[in-house]
C-alpha atoms as a PDB file:
ATOM      1  CA  MET A   1      25.272   0.251  -9.367  1.00  0.00           C
ATOM      2  CA  LYS A   2      25.015  -2.779  -7.111  1.00  0.00           C
ATOM      3  CA  LEU A   3      21.908  -2.728  -4.944  1.00  0.00           C
ATOM      4  CA  PRO A   4      22.697  -2.582  -1.207  1.00  0.00           C
ATOM      5  CA  ARG A   5      22.200  -5.807   0.714  1.00  0.00           C
ATOM      6  CA  ARG A   6      20.129  -5.576   3.870  1.00  0.00           C
ATOM      7  CA  LEU A   7      21.979  -7.023   6.844  1.00  0.00           C
ATOM      8  CA  ARG A   8      20.309  -9.481   9.187  1.00  0.00           C
ATOM      9  CA  HIS A   9      19.809  -8.724  12.862  1.00  0.00           C
ATOM     10  CA  GLY A  10      23.040  -9.301  14.736  1.00  0.00           C
ATOM     11  CA  GLU A  11      25.094  -9.695  11.562  1.00  0.00           C
ATOM     12  CA  GLU A  12      28.490  -8.048  11.939  1.00  0.00           C
ATOM     13  CA  ALA A  13      29.970  -5.740   9.312  1.00  0.00           C
ATOM     14  CA  THR A  14      33.045  -3.539   9.122  1.00  0.00           C
ATOM     15  CA  LEU A  15      32.921   0.246   9.155  1.00  0.00           C
ATOM     16  CA  VAL A  16      33.859   0.312   5.473  1.00  0.00           C
ATOM     17  CA  GLU A  17      30.958  -2.028   4.650  1.00  0.00           C
ATOM     18  CA  HIS A  18      28.527   0.156   6.608  1.00  0.00           C
ATOM     19  CA  LEU A  19      29.764   3.295   4.820  1.00  0.00           C
ATOM     20  CA  ASP A  20      29.524   1.564   1.452  1.00  0.00           C
ATOM     21  CA  GLU A  21      25.944   0.497   2.234  1.00  0.00           C
ATOM     22  CA  LEU A  22      25.073   4.039   3.342  1.00  0.00           C
ATOM     23  CA  ARG A  23      26.525   5.503   0.139  1.00  0.00           C
ATOM     24  CA  SER A  24      24.580   3.029  -2.000  1.00  0.00           C
ATOM     25  CA  ARG A  25      21.313   3.790  -0.221  1.00  0.00           C
ATOM     26  CA  ILE A  26      21.820   7.561  -0.553  1.00  0.00           C
ATOM     27  CA  ILE A  27      22.523   7.193  -4.280  1.00  0.00           C
ATOM     28  CA  LEU A  28      19.467   4.965  -4.700  1.00  0.00           C
ATOM     29  CA  SER A  29      17.292   7.530  -2.885  1.00  0.00           C
ATOM     30  CA  LEU A  30      18.582  10.379  -5.062  1.00  0.00           C
ATOM     31  CA  LEU A  31      17.959   8.324  -8.201  1.00  0.00           C
ATOM     32  CA  ALA A  32      14.408   7.613  -7.055  1.00  0.00           C
ATOM     33  CA  LEU A  33      13.862  11.339  -6.471  1.00  0.00           C
ATOM     34  CA  ALA A  34      15.272  12.229  -9.893  1.00  0.00           C
ATOM     35  CA  VAL A  35      13.160   9.613 -11.706  1.00  0.00           C
ATOM     36  CA  CYS A  36       9.954  10.617  -9.893  1.00  0.00           C
ATOM     37  CA  ALA A  37      10.623  14.312 -10.558  1.00  0.00           C
ATOM     38  CA  VAL A  38      11.196  13.631 -14.272  1.00  0.00           C
ATOM     39  CA  VAL A  39       7.985  11.593 -14.470  1.00  0.00           C
ATOM     40  CA  ALA A  40       6.120  14.418 -12.711  1.00  0.00           C
ATOM     41  CA  PHE A  41       7.586  16.942 -15.158  1.00  0.00           C
ATOM     42  CA  VAL A  42       6.467  14.799 -18.108  1.00  0.00           C
ATOM     43  CA  PHE A  43       2.917  14.781 -16.740  1.00  0.00           C
ATOM     44  CA  GLN A  44       3.095  18.426 -15.645  1.00  0.00           C
ATOM     45  CA  HIS A  45      -0.154  19.471 -17.350  1.00  0.00           C
ATOM     46  CA  ASP A  46      -2.191  16.748 -15.668  1.00  0.00           C
ATOM     47  CA  ILE A  47      -0.629  17.542 -12.281  1.00  0.00           C
ATOM     48  CA  LEU A  48      -1.199  21.295 -12.589  1.00  0.00           C
ATOM     49  CA  GLN A  49      -4.807  20.781 -13.673  1.00  0.00           C
ATOM     50  CA  TRP A  50      -5.320  18.405 -10.743  1.00  0.00           C
ATOM     51  CA  LEU A  51      -3.929  21.013  -8.347  1.00  0.00           C
ATOM     52  CA  ASN A  52      -6.108  23.733  -9.922  1.00  0.00           C
ATOM     53  CA  ARG A  53      -9.315  21.713  -9.559  1.00  0.00           C
ATOM     54  CA  PRO A  54     -10.097  22.783  -5.936  1.00  0.00           C
ATOM     55  CA  LEU A  55     -10.305  26.396  -7.170  1.00  0.00           C
ATOM     56  CA  PRO A  56     -13.681  27.832  -8.169  1.00  0.00           C
ATOM     57  CA  PRO A  57     -14.026  27.462 -11.979  1.00  0.00           C
ATOM     58  CA  LYS A  58     -13.761  31.212 -12.620  1.00  0.00           C
ATOM     59  CA  ARG A  59     -10.450  31.421 -10.698  1.00  0.00           C
ATOM     60  CA  ARG A  60      -8.519  28.613 -12.418  1.00  0.00           C
ATOM     61  CA  GLU A  61      -6.619  30.864 -14.837  1.00  0.00           C
ATOM     62  CA  LEU A  62      -3.557  31.646 -12.746  1.00  0.00           C
ATOM     63  CA  LEU A  63      -1.227  34.639 -13.095  1.00  0.00           C
ATOM     64  CA  THR A  64       2.549  34.751 -13.627  1.00  0.00           C
ATOM     65  CA  LEU A  65       4.589  37.959 -13.415  1.00  0.00           C
ATOM     66  CA  GLY A  66       7.955  37.125 -14.995  1.00  0.00           C
ATOM     67  CA  PRO A  67       9.281  35.515 -18.177  1.00  0.00           C
ATOM     68  CA  ALA A  68      10.839  32.584 -16.306  1.00  0.00           C
ATOM     69  CA  GLU A  69       8.064  32.141 -13.744  1.00  0.00           C
ATOM     70  CA  PRO A  70       5.938  29.627 -15.724  1.00  0.00           C
ATOM     71  CA  PHE A  71       8.904  27.275 -16.145  1.00  0.00           C
ATOM     72  CA  LEU A  72      10.287  27.766 -12.629  1.00  0.00           C
ATOM     73  CA  THR A  73       6.877  27.268 -11.031  1.00  0.00           C
ATOM     74  CA  THR A  74       6.259  24.094 -13.054  1.00  0.00           C
ATOM     75  CA  PHE A  75       9.722  22.778 -12.199  1.00  0.00           C
ATOM     76  CA  LYS A  76       9.207  23.474  -8.499  1.00  0.00           C
ATOM     77  CA  VAL A  77       5.837  21.705  -8.464  1.00  0.00           C
ATOM     78  CA  SER A  78       7.331  18.730 -10.337  1.00  0.00           C
ATOM     79  CA  LEU A  79      10.172  18.545  -7.828  1.00  0.00           C
ATOM     80  CA  TRP A  80       7.807  18.520  -4.849  1.00  0.00           C
ATOM     81  CA  VAL A  81       5.531  15.937  -6.453  1.00  0.00           C
ATOM     82  CA  GLY A  82       8.619  13.862  -7.265  1.00  0.00           C
ATOM     83  CA  LEU A  83       9.717  14.088  -3.655  1.00  0.00           C
ATOM     84  CA  GLY A  84       6.307  12.853  -2.548  1.00  0.00           C
ATOM     85  CA  GLY A  85       6.456   9.970  -5.000  1.00  0.00           C
ATOM     86  CA  ALA A  86       9.989   8.998  -3.984  1.00  0.00           C
ATOM     87  CA  LEU A  87       9.325   9.338  -0.252  1.00  0.00           C
ATOM     88  CA  PRO A  88       8.327   5.662   0.268  1.00  0.00           C
ATOM     89  CA  ILE A  89      11.572   4.523  -1.393  1.00  0.00           C
ATOM     90  CA  VAL A  90      13.649   6.997   0.623  1.00  0.00           C
ATOM     91  CA  LEU A  91      12.029   5.937   3.897  1.00  0.00           C
ATOM     92  CA  TRP A  92      12.513   2.268   2.995  1.00  0.00           C
ATOM     93  CA  GLN A  93      16.229   2.894   2.423  1.00  0.00           C
ATOM     94  CA  VAL A  94      16.517   4.669   5.783  1.00  0.00           C
ATOM     95  CA  TRP A  95      14.685   1.836   7.537  1.00  0.00           C
ATOM     96  CA  SER A  96      16.744  -0.861   5.768  1.00  0.00           C
ATOM     97  CA  PHE A  97      19.939   0.794   6.981  1.00  0.00           C
ATOM     98  CA  PHE A  98      18.881   0.905  10.640  1.00  0.00           C
ATOM     99  CA  ALA A  99      16.730  -2.260  10.740  1.00  0.00           C
ATOM    100  CA  PRO A 100      19.604  -4.701  11.552  1.00  0.00           C
ATOM    101  CA  ALA A 101      19.917  -3.030  14.959  1.00  0.00           C
ATOM    102  CA  VAL A 102      16.343  -4.078  15.797  1.00  0.00           C
ATOM    103  CA  GLU A 103      15.106  -7.572  16.648  1.00  0.00           C
ATOM    104  CA  GLU A 104      13.172  -9.333  13.898  1.00  0.00           C
ATOM    105  CA  ARG A 105       9.957  -9.458  15.937  1.00  0.00           C
ATOM    106  CA  THR A 106      10.195  -5.716  16.531  1.00  0.00           C
ATOM    107  CA  GLN A 107      10.888  -5.204  12.818  1.00  0.00           C
ATOM    108  CA  ARG A 108       7.520  -6.794  12.001  1.00  0.00           C
ATOM    109  CA  VAL A 109       5.808  -4.474  14.489  1.00  0.00           C
ATOM    110  CA  VAL A 110       7.538  -1.439  12.971  1.00  0.00           C
ATOM    111  CA  ALA A 111       6.532  -2.600   9.477  1.00  0.00           C
ATOM    112  CA  GLY A 112       2.906  -2.712  10.628  1.00  0.00           C
ATOM    113  CA  PHE A 113       3.169   0.812  12.001  1.00  0.00           C
ATOM    114  CA  VAL A 114       4.729   1.989   8.732  1.00  0.00           C
ATOM    115  CA  VAL A 115       1.762   0.626   6.771  1.00  0.00           C
ATOM    116  CA  PHE A 116      -0.608   2.316   9.231  1.00  0.00           C
ATOM    117  CA  ALA A 117       1.325   5.594   8.941  1.00  0.00           C
ATOM    118  CA  ALA A 118       1.224   5.427   5.127  1.00  0.00           C
ATOM    119  CA  ALA A 119      -2.540   4.908   5.212  1.00  0.00           C
ATOM    120  CA  LEU A 120      -2.908   7.906   7.527  1.00  0.00           C
ATOM    121  CA  ILE A 121      -0.855  10.116   5.195  1.00  0.00           C
ATOM    122  CA  VAL A 122      -2.974   9.100   2.203  1.00  0.00           C
ATOM    123  CA  ALA A 123      -6.130   9.779   4.211  1.00  0.00           C
ATOM    124  CA  GLY A 124      -4.764  13.167   5.284  1.00  0.00           C
ATOM    125  CA  VAL A 125      -3.864  14.243   1.742  1.00  0.00           C
ATOM    126  CA  ALA A 126      -7.275  13.081   0.467  1.00  0.00           C
ATOM    127  CA  PHE A 127      -9.050  14.982   3.253  1.00  0.00           C
ATOM    128  CA  GLY A 128      -7.010  18.102   2.505  1.00  0.00           C
ATOM    129  CA  TYR A 129      -7.698  17.900  -1.230  1.00  0.00           C
ATOM    130  CA  TYR A 130     -11.384  16.981  -1.227  1.00  0.00           C
ATOM    131  CA  VAL A 131     -12.583  18.772   1.924  1.00  0.00           C
ATOM    132  CA  VAL A 132     -10.213  21.495   3.145  1.00  0.00           C
ATOM    133  CA  LEU A 133      -9.015  23.077  -0.107  1.00  0.00           C
ATOM    134  CA  PRO A 134     -12.369  23.498  -1.950  1.00  0.00           C
ATOM    135  CA  LYS A 135     -14.049  25.149   1.046  1.00  0.00           C
ATOM    136  CA  ALA A 136     -11.041  27.275   1.972  1.00  0.00           C
ATOM    137  CA  LEU A 137     -10.328  28.431  -1.588  1.00  0.00           C
ATOM    138  CA  SER A 138     -13.979  29.237  -2.234  1.00  0.00           C
ATOM    139  CA  PHE A 139     -13.987  31.444   0.859  1.00  0.00           C
ATOM    140  CA  LEU A 140     -10.611  33.076   0.230  1.00  0.00           C
ATOM    141  CA  THR A 141     -10.901  33.748  -3.503  1.00  0.00           C
ATOM    142  CA  ASN A 142     -14.408  35.217  -3.258  1.00  0.00           C
ATOM    143  CA  TYR A 143     -13.858  37.333  -0.148  1.00  0.00           C
ATOM    144  CA  ASN A 144     -14.726  40.975  -0.907  1.00  0.00           C
ATOM    145  CA  ASP A 145     -14.667  40.243  -4.644  1.00  0.00           C
ATOM    146  CA  ASP A 146     -16.853  43.295  -5.175  1.00  0.00           C
ATOM    147  CA  VAL A 147     -14.022  45.458  -3.823  1.00  0.00           C
ATOM    148  CA  PHE A 148     -10.860  43.725  -5.093  1.00  0.00           C
ATOM    149  CA  ASN A 149      -9.746  42.672  -8.544  1.00  0.00           C
ATOM    150  CA  ILE A 150      -8.884  39.153  -7.429  1.00  0.00           C
ATOM    151  CA  GLN A 151      -6.118  37.510  -9.453  1.00  0.00           C
ATOM    152  CA  ILE A 152      -4.204  34.521  -8.156  1.00  0.00           C
ATOM    153  CA  ARG A 153      -0.472  34.235  -8.724  1.00  0.00           C
ATOM    154  CA  ALA A 154       0.530  30.687  -9.721  1.00  0.00           C
ATOM    155  CA  ALA A 155       3.623  30.438  -7.495  1.00  0.00           C
ATOM    156  CA  ASP A 156       1.739  31.584  -4.385  1.00  0.00           C
ATOM    157  CA  TYR A 157      -1.215  29.323  -5.118  1.00  0.00           C
ATOM    158  CA  TYR A 158       0.853  26.160  -5.568  1.00  0.00           C
ATOM    159  CA  ASN A 159       2.870  26.950  -2.444  1.00  0.00           C
ATOM    160  CA  PHE A 160      -0.383  27.270  -0.507  1.00  0.00           C
ATOM    161  CA  VAL A 161      -1.883  24.063  -1.907  1.00  0.00           C
ATOM    162  CA  LEU A 162       1.237  21.946  -1.376  1.00  0.00           C
ATOM    163  CA  LEU A 163       1.724  23.282   2.155  1.00  0.00           C
ATOM    164  CA  VAL A 164      -1.892  22.535   3.078  1.00  0.00           C
ATOM    165  CA  LEU A 165      -1.736  19.003   1.650  1.00  0.00           C
ATOM    166  CA  ALA A 166       1.602  18.297   3.318  1.00  0.00           C
ATOM    167  CA  GLY A 167       0.473  19.833   6.623  1.00  0.00           C
ATOM    168  CA  VAL A 168      -2.783  17.879   6.762  1.00  0.00           C
ATOM    169  CA  GLY A 169      -0.955  14.695   5.770  1.00  0.00           C
ATOM    170  CA  VAL A 170       1.579  15.156   8.575  1.00  0.00           C
ATOM    171  CA  VAL A 171      -0.946  15.979  11.302  1.00  0.00           C
ATOM    172  CA  PHE A 172      -2.901  12.849  10.383  1.00  0.00           C
ATOM    173  CA  GLU A 173       0.106  11.014  11.855  1.00  0.00           C
ATOM    174  CA  LEU A 174      -1.103  12.078  15.310  1.00  0.00           C
ATOM    175  CA  PRO A 175      -2.065   8.497  16.355  1.00  0.00           C
ATOM    176  CA  ILE A 176       1.455   7.278  15.533  1.00  0.00           C
ATOM    177  CA  PHE A 177       2.964  10.121  17.569  1.00  0.00           C
ATOM    178  CA  VAL A 178       0.717   9.411  20.574  1.00  0.00           C
ATOM    179  CA  LEU A 179       1.404   5.666  20.446  1.00  0.00           C
ATOM    180  CA  GLY A 180       5.128   6.395  20.306  1.00  0.00           C
ATOM    181  CA  LEU A 181       4.920   8.527  23.460  1.00  0.00           C
ATOM    182  CA  VAL A 182       2.963   5.803  25.242  1.00  0.00           C
ATOM    183  CA  ARG A 183       5.391   3.081  24.128  1.00  0.00           C
ATOM    184  CA  LEU A 184       8.359   5.107  25.382  1.00  0.00           C
ATOM    185  CA  GLY A 185       6.620   5.601  28.737  1.00  0.00           C
ATOM    186  CA  ILE A 186       6.518   9.393  28.439  1.00  0.00           C
ATOM    187  CA  VAL A 187       2.738   9.382  28.887  1.00  0.00           C
ATOM    188  CA  THR A 188       0.160   6.737  29.737  1.00  0.00           C
ATOM    189  CA  SER A 189      -3.325   6.111  28.414  1.00  0.00           C
ATOM    190  CA  TRP A 190      -4.668   6.948  31.889  1.00  0.00           C
ATOM    191  CA  ARG A 191      -3.028  10.383  31.793  1.00  0.00           C
ATOM    192  CA  LEU A 192      -4.241  10.985  28.252  1.00  0.00           C
ATOM    193  CA  ARG A 193      -7.812  10.225  29.292  1.00  0.00           C
ATOM    194  CA  HIS A 194      -7.647  12.474  32.358  1.00  0.00           C
ATOM    195  CA  THR A 195      -5.950  15.429  30.626  1.00  0.00           C
ATOM    196  CA  ARG A 196      -8.204  15.649  27.595  1.00  0.00           C
ATOM    197  CA  ARG A 197      -8.661  19.412  27.955  1.00  0.00           C
ATOM    198  CA  VAL A 198      -4.931  20.012  27.728  1.00  0.00           C
ATOM    199  CA  GLY A 199      -4.697  17.687  24.738  1.00  0.00           C
ATOM    200  CA  TYR A 200      -7.561  19.400  22.942  1.00  0.00           C
ATOM    201  CA  PHE A 201      -5.956  22.783  23.610  1.00  0.00           C
ATOM    202  CA  LEU A 202      -2.660  21.586  22.099  1.00  0.00           C
ATOM    203  CA  VAL A 203      -4.536  20.172  19.103  1.00  0.00           C
ATOM    204  CA  ALA A 204      -6.223  23.552  18.594  1.00  0.00           C
ATOM    205  CA  VAL A 205      -2.823  25.275  18.740  1.00  0.00           C
ATOM    206  CA  VAL A 206      -1.482  22.880  16.096  1.00  0.00           C
ATOM    207  CA  ALA A 207      -4.514  23.565  13.880  1.00  0.00           C
ATOM    208  CA  VAL A 208      -3.924  27.319  14.123  1.00  0.00           C
ATOM    209  CA  ALA A 209      -0.235  26.822  13.255  1.00  0.00           C
ATOM    210  CA  LEU A 210      -1.067  24.851  10.105  1.00  0.00           C
ATOM    211  CA  PRO A 211      -1.008  26.576   6.683  1.00  0.00           C
ATOM    212  CA  GLY A 212      -4.105  28.661   6.094  1.00  0.00           C
ATOM    213  CA  ILE A 213      -4.802  31.615   8.362  1.00  0.00           C
ATOM    214  CA  ASP A 214      -8.471  31.990   7.511  1.00  0.00           C
ATOM    215  CA  PRO A 215     -11.151  30.631   9.878  1.00  0.00           C
ATOM    216  CA  VAL A 216     -12.549  28.181   7.295  1.00  0.00           C
ATOM    217  CA  THR A 217      -9.220  26.422   6.669  1.00  0.00           C
ATOM    218  CA  THR A 218      -8.321  26.400  10.360  1.00  0.00           C
ATOM    219  CA  THR A 219     -11.702  24.938  11.372  1.00  0.00           C
ATOM    220  CA  LEU A 220     -11.622  22.243   8.690  1.00  0.00           C
ATOM    221  CA  GLU A 221      -8.081  21.293   9.736  1.00  0.00           C
ATOM    222  CA  ALA A 222      -8.979  21.248  13.431  1.00  0.00           C
ATOM    223  CA  LEU A 223     -12.050  18.984  13.254  1.00  0.00           C
ATOM    224  CA  PRO A 224     -10.254  15.799  12.102  1.00  0.00           C
ATOM    225  CA  LEU A 225      -7.463  16.502  14.587  1.00  0.00           C
ATOM    226  CA  PHE A 226      -9.911  16.339  17.482  1.00  0.00           C
ATOM    227  CA  VAL A 227     -11.311  13.060  16.138  1.00  0.00           C
ATOM    228  CA  LEU A 228      -7.805  11.661  15.613  1.00  0.00           C
ATOM    229  CA  TYR A 229      -6.720  12.693  19.097  1.00  0.00           C
ATOM    230  CA  GLU A 230      -9.720  11.008  20.722  1.00  0.00           C
ATOM    231  CA  GLY A 231      -9.134   7.900  18.613  1.00  0.00           C
ATOM    232  CA  SER A 232      -5.446   7.965  19.598  1.00  0.00           C
ATOM    233  CA  ILE A 233      -6.383   7.833  23.272  1.00  0.00           C
ATOM    234  CA  TRP A 234      -8.440   4.657  22.890  1.00  0.00           C
ATOM    235  CA  LEU A 235      -5.886   3.149  20.523  1.00  0.00           C
ATOM    236  CA  ALA A 236      -3.273   3.762  23.228  1.00  0.00           C
ATOM    237  CA  VAL A 237      -5.503   1.984  25.751  1.00  0.00           C
ATOM    238  CA  LEU A 238      -5.712  -1.107  23.533  1.00  0.00           C
ATOM    239  CA  PHE A 239      -2.000  -1.188  22.734  1.00  0.00           C
ATOM    240  CA  GLU A 240      -1.004  -0.571  26.344  1.00  0.00           C
ATOM    241  CA  ARG A 241      -3.035  -3.592  27.425  1.00  0.00           C
ATOM    242  CA  TYR A 242      -1.485  -5.659  24.634  1.00  0.00           C
ATOM    243  CA  TRP A 243       2.062  -4.621  25.597  1.00  0.00           C
ATOM    244  CA  GLU A 244       1.403  -5.380  29.268  1.00  0.00           C
ATOM    245  CA  ARG A 245      -0.036  -8.800  28.426  1.00  0.00           C
ATOM    246  CA  ARG A 246       2.913  -9.641  26.174  1.00  0.00           C
ATOM    247  CA  ALA A 247       5.362  -8.501  28.865  1.00  0.00           C
ATOM    248  CA  SER A 248       3.664 -10.701  31.492  1.00  0.00           C
ATOM    249  CA  LEU A 249       3.786 -13.720  29.171  1.00  0.00           C
ATOM    250  CA  SER A 250       7.509 -13.185  28.528  1.00  0.00           C
ATOM    251  CA  TRP A 251       8.132 -13.058  32.283  1.00  0.00           C
ATOM    252  CA  ASP A 252       6.163 -16.273  32.844  1.00  0.00           C
ATOM    253  CA  THR A 253       8.043 -18.143  30.117  1.00  0.00           C
ATOM    254  CA  PRO A 254      11.079 -19.941  31.603  1.00  0.00           C
END
């Protein structure tokens, strides 16, 4: 398969060429997903042990209830891990398809934001794995253990873990979301600073809506959101000043 060529800004192409490029990028994304999923399946034992590590040691022997459940659960986990591994390639293909419509200077700005967003996702997943999951699972799996015979089903556990990691990773993108609203003129840094109570309320609502209904998980997910929201406000102040200064310089240039 011939790799798709990225068009330059302003370069003209026929509809057939655009469709051919789109087809090539979709195929490349699917191949990346398949390869990453196969690699994840090969290293399934390491991945499953890594996902089991946040559990208390006495709870790490998980339960399956059907003859096909061990294989299906492993395959599902491998597929999700493969999707996470292929996500940068998929997003790069999406961006490469739409990038020619954007000026080159703006492309560099977007590339910087993409790097920042990737760092935030990694930070979110790390926070979810090393902080949220151990505390939440310790609370949940030991709650009323003198009353219940607590056994953890593998499929439910991996669904919970992957949802928490994905949810925390996504909400760590809050600064990117806020900067996007400011750049589009929907809100301003002044309004963000003077409506903090509303913003904090919305952040609390988002934390409650995240995976994990227990108070420990919700609290641990909410705390970084408040910090990220406050940091987003001051980041918006800095970027707003930069955008205004750049706009004034472009007006002054003949």
